[in-house]
Amino acid sequence: MGRFPHGGYESELDIVAYQPIQNHLFHIEPSTDARSWEKREVFFRKKFDAGKKYIIEDILTWLPHNKTFD
């Protein structure tokens, strides 16, 4: 998701789900990463920030584009 004008993408997401009755959006990143917690936090923060930026625009395109989630 997050296609670059020159080709390629900013990131990829492992699992994205939307539960419409309760209006919940889920972004799950399973990992067997063995790096330190500090390094994992940096890595996963980047992925979750990209998810917030692109999930509605690139993946769940039928949801209102002004929708936000935490």
PDB file of N, CA and C in Angstrom:
ATOM      1  N   MET A   1       0.832  -1.171   0.000  1.00  0.00           N
ATOM      2  CA  MET A   1       0.000   0.000   0.000  1.00  0.00           C
ATOM      3  C   MET A   1       0.875   1.231   0.000  1.00  0.00           C
ATOM      4  N   GLY A   2       0.302   2.337  -0.369  1.00  0.00           N
ATOM      5  CA  GLY A   2       1.070   3.566  -0.449  1.00  0.00           C
ATOM      6  C   GLY A   2       2.021   3.562  -1.634  1.00  0.00           C
ATOM      7  N   ARG A   3       1.457   3.390  -2.816  1.00  0.00           N
ATOM      8  CA  ARG A   3       2.278   3.306  -4.030  1.00  0.00           C
ATOM      9  C   ARG A   3       3.078   4.592  -4.250  1.00  0.00           C
ATOM     10  N   PHE A   4       4.375   4.445  -4.513  1.00  0.00           N
ATOM     11  CA  PHE A   4       5.240   5.568  -4.820  1.00  0.00           C
ATOM     12  C   PHE A   4       5.096   5.937  -6.287  1.00  0.00           C
ATOM     13  N   PRO A   5       5.175   7.221  -6.641  1.00  0.00           N
ATOM     14  CA  PRO A   5       5.056   7.644  -8.045  1.00  0.00           C
ATOM     15  C   PRO A   5       6.118   6.997  -8.946  1.00  0.00           C
ATOM     16  N   HIS A   6       7.293   6.726  -8.391  1.00  0.00           N
ATOM     17  CA  HIS A   6       8.390   6.151  -9.172  1.00  0.00           C
ATOM     18  C   HIS A   6       8.389   4.620  -9.155  1.00  0.00           C
ATOM     19  N   GLY A   7       7.362   4.008  -8.537  1.00  0.00           N
ATOM     20  CA  GLY A   7       7.255   2.554  -8.462  1.00  0.00           C
ATOM     21  C   GLY A   7       7.524   2.053  -7.061  1.00  0.00           C
ATOM     22  N   GLY A   8       6.987   0.917  -6.745  1.00  0.00           N
ATOM     23  CA  GLY A   8       7.143   0.341  -5.418  1.00  0.00           C
ATOM     24  C   GLY A   8       6.105   0.875  -4.450  1.00  0.00           C
ATOM     25  N   TYR A   9       6.183   0.378  -3.230  1.00  0.00           N
ATOM     26  CA  TYR A   9       5.211   0.729  -2.207  1.00  0.00           C
ATOM     27  C   TYR A   9       5.896   1.090  -0.900  1.00  0.00           C
ATOM     28  N   GLU A  10       5.207   1.893  -0.087  1.00  0.00           N
ATOM     29  CA  GLU A  10       5.757   2.304   1.207  1.00  0.00           C
ATOM     30  C   GLU A  10       5.820   1.137   2.184  1.00  0.00           C
ATOM     31  N   SER A  11       4.801   0.277   2.174  1.00  0.00           N
ATOM     32  CA  SER A  11       4.745  -0.792   3.162  1.00  0.00           C
ATOM     33  C   SER A  11       3.766  -1.862   2.715  1.00  0.00           C
ATOM     34  N   GLU A  12       3.708  -2.940   3.491  1.00  0.00           N
ATOM     35  CA  GLU A  12       2.690  -3.962   3.297  1.00  0.00           C
ATOM     36  C   GLU A  12       2.119  -4.284   4.671  1.00  0.00           C
ATOM     37  N   LEU A  13       0.879  -4.754   4.688  1.00  0.00           N
ATOM     38  CA  LEU A  13       0.224  -5.106   5.941  1.00  0.00           C
ATOM     39  C   LEU A  13      -0.105  -6.584   5.915  1.00  0.00           C
ATOM     40  N   ASP A  14       0.016  -7.257   7.055  1.00  0.00           N
ATOM     41  CA  ASP A  14      -0.244  -8.687   7.105  1.00  0.00           C
ATOM     42  C   ASP A  14      -1.732  -9.008   7.179  1.00  0.00           C
ATOM     43  N   ILE A  15      -2.423  -8.446   8.155  1.00  0.00           N
ATOM     44  CA  ILE A  15      -3.849  -8.745   8.336  1.00  0.00           C
ATOM     45  C   ILE A  15      -4.599  -7.442   8.604  1.00  0.00           C
ATOM     46  N   VAL A  16      -5.630  -7.195   7.804  1.00  0.00           N
ATOM     47  CA  VAL A  16      -6.513  -6.046   8.016  1.00  0.00           C
ATOM     48  C   VAL A  16      -7.938  -6.586   7.986  1.00  0.00           C
ATOM     49  N   ALA A  17      -8.719  -6.237   9.002  1.00  0.00           N
ATOM     50  CA  ALA A  17     -10.102  -6.699   9.065  1.00  0.00           C
ATOM     51  C   ALA A  17     -10.999  -5.558   9.530  1.00  0.00           C
ATOM     52  N   TYR A  18     -12.227  -5.582   9.062  1.00  0.00           N
ATOM     53  CA  TYR A  18     -13.206  -4.569   9.464  1.00  0.00           C
ATOM     54  C   TYR A  18     -14.452  -5.276   9.961  1.00  0.00           C
ATOM     55  N   GLN A  19     -14.906  -4.927  11.164  1.00  0.00           N
ATOM     56  CA  GLN A  19     -16.104  -5.487  11.752  1.00  0.00           C
ATOM     57  C   GLN A  19     -17.161  -4.390  11.678  1.00  0.00           C
ATOM     58  N   PRO A  20     -18.080  -4.453  10.685  1.00  0.00           N
ATOM     59  CA  PRO A  20     -18.991  -3.336  10.420  1.00  0.00           C
ATOM     60  C   PRO A  20     -20.059  -3.094  11.488  1.00  0.00           C
ATOM     61  N   ILE A  21     -20.500  -4.109  12.190  1.00  0.00           N
ATOM     62  CA  ILE A  21     -21.568  -3.903  13.171  1.00  0.00           C
ATOM     63  C   ILE A  21     -21.086  -2.989  14.298  1.00  0.00           C
ATOM     64  N   GLN A  22     -19.875  -3.229  14.775  1.00  0.00           N
ATOM     65  CA  GLN A  22     -19.340  -2.385  15.848  1.00  0.00           C
ATOM     66  C   GLN A  22     -18.381  -1.328  15.315  1.00  0.00           C
ATOM     67  N   ASN A  23     -18.211  -1.298  13.997  1.00  0.00           N
ATOM     68  CA  ASN A  23     -17.377  -0.294  13.349  1.00  0.00           C
ATOM     69  C   ASN A  23     -15.927  -0.335  13.855  1.00  0.00           C
ATOM     70  N   HIS A  24     -15.386  -1.547  13.977  1.00  0.00           N
ATOM     71  CA  HIS A  24     -14.015  -1.727  14.445  1.00  0.00           C
ATOM     72  C   HIS A  24     -13.116  -2.101  13.279  1.00  0.00           C
ATOM     73  N   LEU A  25     -11.969  -1.489  13.249  1.00  0.00           N
ATOM     74  CA  LEU A  25     -10.951  -1.757  12.236  1.00  0.00           C
ATOM     75  C   LEU A  25      -9.756  -2.387  12.942  1.00  0.00           C
ATOM     76  N   PHE A  26      -9.264  -3.504  12.414  1.00  0.00           N
ATOM     77  CA  PHE A  26      -8.152  -4.223  13.015  1.00  0.00           C
ATOM     78  C   PHE A  26      -6.981  -4.280  12.052  1.00  0.00           C
ATOM     79  N   HIS A  27      -5.808  -4.032  12.567  1.00  0.00           N
ATOM     80  CA  HIS A  27      -4.566  -4.145  11.801  1.00  0.00           C
ATOM     81  C   HIS A  27      -3.647  -5.002  12.668  1.00  0.00           C
ATOM     82  N   ILE A  28      -3.322  -6.208  12.186  1.00  0.00           N
ATOM     83  CA  ILE A  28      -2.530  -7.168  12.956  1.00  0.00           C
ATOM     84  C   ILE A  28      -1.242  -7.470  12.205  1.00  0.00           C
ATOM     85  N   GLU A  29      -0.138  -7.423  12.901  1.00  0.00           N
ATOM     86  CA  GLU A  29       1.180  -7.701  12.318  1.00  0.00           C
ATOM     87  C   GLU A  29       1.851  -8.834  13.094  1.00  0.00           C
ATOM     88  N   PRO A  30       1.567 -10.100  12.750  1.00  0.00           N
ATOM     89  CA  PRO A  30       2.235 -11.207  13.437  1.00  0.00           C
ATOM     90  C   PRO A  30       3.722 -11.228  13.072  1.00  0.00           C
ATOM     91  N   SER A  31       4.538 -11.694  14.019  1.00  0.00           N
ATOM     92  CA  SER A  31       5.974 -11.670  13.779  1.00  0.00           C
ATOM     93  C   SER A  31       6.690 -12.693  14.651  1.00  0.00           C
ATOM     94  N   THR A  32       7.769 -13.222  14.131  1.00  0.00           N
ATOM     95  CA  THR A  32       8.680 -14.057  14.913  1.00  0.00           C
ATOM     96  C   THR A  32      10.017 -13.334  15.055  1.00  0.00           C
ATOM     97  N   ASP A  33       9.964 -12.030  15.004  1.00  0.00           N
ATOM     98  CA  ASP A  33      11.142 -11.170  15.072  1.00  0.00           C
ATOM     99  C   ASP A  33      11.937 -11.424  16.350  1.00  0.00           C
ATOM    100  N   ALA A  34      13.258 -11.511  16.238  1.00  0.00           N
ATOM    101  CA  ALA A  34      14.117 -11.756  17.398  1.00  0.00           C
ATOM    102  C   ALA A  34      14.923 -10.517  17.798  1.00  0.00           C
ATOM    103  N   ARG A  35      14.642  -9.376  17.174  1.00  0.00           N
ATOM    104  CA  ARG A  35      15.359  -8.145  17.535  1.00  0.00           C
ATOM    105  C   ARG A  35      14.942  -7.668  18.924  1.00  0.00           C
ATOM    106  N   SER A  36      15.666  -6.714  19.470  1.00  0.00           N
ATOM    107  CA  SER A  36      15.326  -6.159  20.789  1.00  0.00           C
ATOM    108  C   SER A  36      13.964  -5.473  20.711  1.00  0.00           C
ATOM    109  N   TRP A  37      13.327  -5.266  21.880  1.00  0.00           N
ATOM    110  CA  TRP A  37      12.032  -4.582  21.920  1.00  0.00           C
ATOM    111  C   TRP A  37      12.145  -3.176  21.359  1.00  0.00           C
ATOM    112  N   GLU A  38      13.258  -2.512  21.642  1.00  0.00           N
ATOM    113  CA  GLU A  38      13.438  -1.151  21.145  1.00  0.00           C
ATOM    114  C   GLU A  38      13.437  -1.115  19.617  1.00  0.00           C
ATOM    115  N   LYS A  39      14.132  -2.059  18.991  1.00  0.00           N
ATOM    116  CA  LYS A  39      14.176  -2.108  17.525  1.00  0.00           C
ATOM    117  C   LYS A  39      12.833  -2.527  16.951  1.00  0.00           C
ATOM    118  N   ARG A  40      12.152  -3.452  17.630  1.00  0.00           N
ATOM    119  CA  ARG A  40      10.827  -3.880  17.167  1.00  0.00           C
ATOM    120  C   ARG A  40       9.834  -2.730  17.238  1.00  0.00           C
ATOM    121  N   GLU A  41       9.915  -1.931  18.308  1.00  0.00           N
ATOM    122  CA  GLU A  41       8.997  -0.792  18.433  1.00  0.00           C
ATOM    123  C   GLU A  41       9.135   0.173  17.264  1.00  0.00           C
ATOM    124  N   VAL A  42      10.361   0.465  16.865  1.00  0.00           N
ATOM    125  CA  VAL A  42      10.603   1.365  15.736  1.00  0.00           C
ATOM    126  C   VAL A  42      10.021   0.757  14.461  1.00  0.00           C
ATOM    127  N   PHE A  43      10.309  -0.517  14.220  1.00  0.00           N
ATOM    128  CA  PHE A  43       9.842  -1.209  13.025  1.00  0.00           C
ATOM    129  C   PHE A  43       8.313  -1.248  12.959  1.00  0.00           C
ATOM    130  N   PHE A  44       7.667  -1.660  14.067  1.00  0.00           N
ATOM    131  CA  PHE A  44       6.213  -1.789  14.052  1.00  0.00           C
ATOM    132  C   PHE A  44       5.512  -0.436  14.080  1.00  0.00           C
ATOM    133  N   ARG A  45       6.094   0.563  14.706  1.00  0.00           N
ATOM    134  CA  ARG A  45       5.488   1.903  14.681  1.00  0.00           C
ATOM    135  C   ARG A  45       5.377   2.387  13.244  1.00  0.00           C
ATOM    136  N   LYS A  46       6.435   2.155  12.458  1.00  0.00           N
ATOM    137  CA  LYS A  46       6.414   2.551  11.050  1.00  0.00           C
ATOM    138  C   LYS A  46       5.280   1.831  10.308  1.00  0.00           C
ATOM    139  N   LYS A  47       5.113   0.527  10.559  1.00  0.00           N
ATOM    140  CA  LYS A  47       4.056  -0.241   9.889  1.00  0.00           C
ATOM    141  C   LYS A  47       2.663   0.241  10.303  1.00  0.00           C
ATOM    142  N   PHE A  48       2.447   0.467  11.590  1.00  0.00           N
ATOM    143  CA  PHE A  48       1.131   0.899  12.042  1.00  0.00           C
ATOM    144  C   PHE A  48       0.824   2.325  11.595  1.00  0.00           C
ATOM    145  N   ASP A  49       1.816   3.185  11.559  1.00  0.00           N
ATOM    146  CA  ASP A  49       1.595   4.539  11.040  1.00  0.00           C
ATOM    147  C   ASP A  49       1.224   4.506   9.560  1.00  0.00           C
ATOM    148  N   ALA A  50       1.893   3.660   8.788  1.00  0.00           N
ATOM    149  CA  ALA A  50       1.548   3.510   7.366  1.00  0.00           C
ATOM    150  C   ALA A  50       0.136   2.958   7.228  1.00  0.00           C
ATOM    151  N   GLY A  51      -0.232   2.026   8.096  1.00  0.00           N
ATOM    152  CA  GLY A  51      -1.583   1.487   8.067  1.00  0.00           C
ATOM    153  C   GLY A  51      -2.623   2.563   8.279  1.00  0.00           C
ATOM    154  N   LYS A  52      -2.415   3.416   9.265  1.00  0.00           N
ATOM    155  CA  LYS A  52      -3.361   4.512   9.520  1.00  0.00           C
ATOM    156  C   LYS A  52      -3.470   5.427   8.309  1.00  0.00           C
ATOM    157  N   LYS A  53      -2.372   5.594   7.628  1.00  0.00           N
ATOM    158  CA  LYS A  53      -2.335   6.500   6.479  1.00  0.00           C
ATOM    159  C   LYS A  53      -3.042   5.913   5.252  1.00  0.00           C
ATOM    160  N   TYR A  54      -2.945   4.600   5.035  1.00  0.00           N
ATOM    161  CA  TYR A  54      -3.387   4.012   3.768  1.00  0.00           C
ATOM    162  C   TYR A  54      -4.510   2.982   3.817  1.00  0.00           C
ATOM    163  N   ILE A  55      -4.870   2.443   4.968  1.00  0.00           N
ATOM    164  CA  ILE A  55      -5.865   1.357   4.997  1.00  0.00           C
ATOM    165  C   ILE A  55      -7.166   1.774   4.316  1.00  0.00           C
ATOM    166  N   ILE A  56      -7.705   2.924   4.653  1.00  0.00           N
ATOM    167  CA  ILE A  56      -8.984   3.359   4.064  1.00  0.00           C
ATOM    168  C   ILE A  56      -8.795   3.660   2.574  1.00  0.00           C
ATOM    169  N   GLU A  57      -7.758   4.382   2.248  1.00  0.00           N
ATOM    170  CA  GLU A  57      -7.523   4.830   0.872  1.00  0.00           C
ATOM    171  C   GLU A  57      -7.201   3.682  -0.086  1.00  0.00           C
ATOM    172  N   ASP A  58      -6.392   2.713   0.342  1.00  0.00           N
ATOM    173  CA  ASP A  58      -5.898   1.671  -0.558  1.00  0.00           C
ATOM    174  C   ASP A  58      -6.564   0.313  -0.388  1.00  0.00           C
ATOM    175  N   ILE A  59      -7.097   0.000   0.806  1.00  0.00           N
ATOM    176  CA  ILE A  59      -7.578  -1.359   1.052  1.00  0.00           C
ATOM    177  C   ILE A  59      -9.087  -1.406   1.266  1.00  0.00           C
ATOM    178  N   LEU A  60      -9.587  -0.627   2.211  1.00  0.00           N
ATOM    179  CA  LEU A  60     -11.024  -0.624   2.513  1.00  0.00           C
ATOM    180  C   LEU A  60     -11.657   0.593   1.855  1.00  0.00           C
ATOM    181  N   THR A  61     -11.587   0.622   0.557  1.00  0.00           N
ATOM    182  CA  THR A  61     -11.972   1.810  -0.213  1.00  0.00           C
ATOM    183  C   THR A  61     -13.457   2.152  -0.127  1.00  0.00           C
ATOM    184  N   TRP A  62     -14.295   1.232   0.300  1.00  0.00           N
ATOM    185  CA  TRP A  62     -15.735   1.509   0.405  1.00  0.00           C
ATOM    186  C   TRP A  62     -16.088   2.283   1.682  1.00  0.00           C
ATOM    187  N   LEU A  63     -15.167   2.366   2.647  1.00  0.00           N
ATOM    188  CA  LEU A  63     -15.425   3.141   3.858  1.00  0.00           C
ATOM    189  C   LEU A  63     -15.261   4.627   3.556  1.00  0.00           C
ATOM    190  N   PRO A  64     -15.960   5.490   4.299  1.00  0.00           N
ATOM    191  CA  PRO A  64     -15.804   6.928   4.072  1.00  0.00           C
ATOM    192  C   PRO A  64     -14.338   7.346   4.228  1.00  0.00           C
ATOM    193  N   HIS A  65     -13.836   8.150   3.318  1.00  0.00           N
ATOM    194  CA  HIS A  65     -12.431   8.543   3.342  1.00  0.00           C
ATOM    195  C   HIS A  65     -12.094   9.515   4.470  1.00  0.00           C
ATOM    196  N   ASN A  66     -13.102  10.062   5.131  1.00  0.00           N
ATOM    197  CA  ASN A  66     -12.837  10.930   6.283  1.00  0.00           C
ATOM    198  C   ASN A  66     -12.838  10.147   7.591  1.00  0.00           C
ATOM    199  N   LYS A  67     -13.021   8.831   7.516  1.00  0.00           N
ATOM    200  CA  LYS A  67     -13.033   7.976   8.712  1.00  0.00           C
ATOM    201  C   LYS A  67     -11.623   7.884   9.280  1.00  0.00           C
ATOM    202  N   THR A  68     -11.536   7.933  10.590  1.00  0.00           N
ATOM    203  CA  THR A  68     -10.253   7.771  11.267  1.00  0.00           C
ATOM    204  C   THR A  68     -10.362   6.645  12.268  1.00  0.00           C
ATOM    205  N   PHE A  69      -9.245   6.143  12.704  1.00  0.00           N
ATOM    206  CA  PHE A  69      -9.219   5.102  13.733  1.00  0.00           C
ATOM    207  C   PHE A  69      -7.956   5.250  14.546  1.00  0.00           C
ATOM    208  N   ASP A  70      -7.964   4.649  15.752  1.00  0.00           N
ATOM    209  CA  ASP A  70      -6.793   4.694  16.634  1.00  0.00           C
ATOM    210  C   ASP A  70      -6.111   3.351  16.673  1.00  0.00           C
TER     211      ASP A  70
END
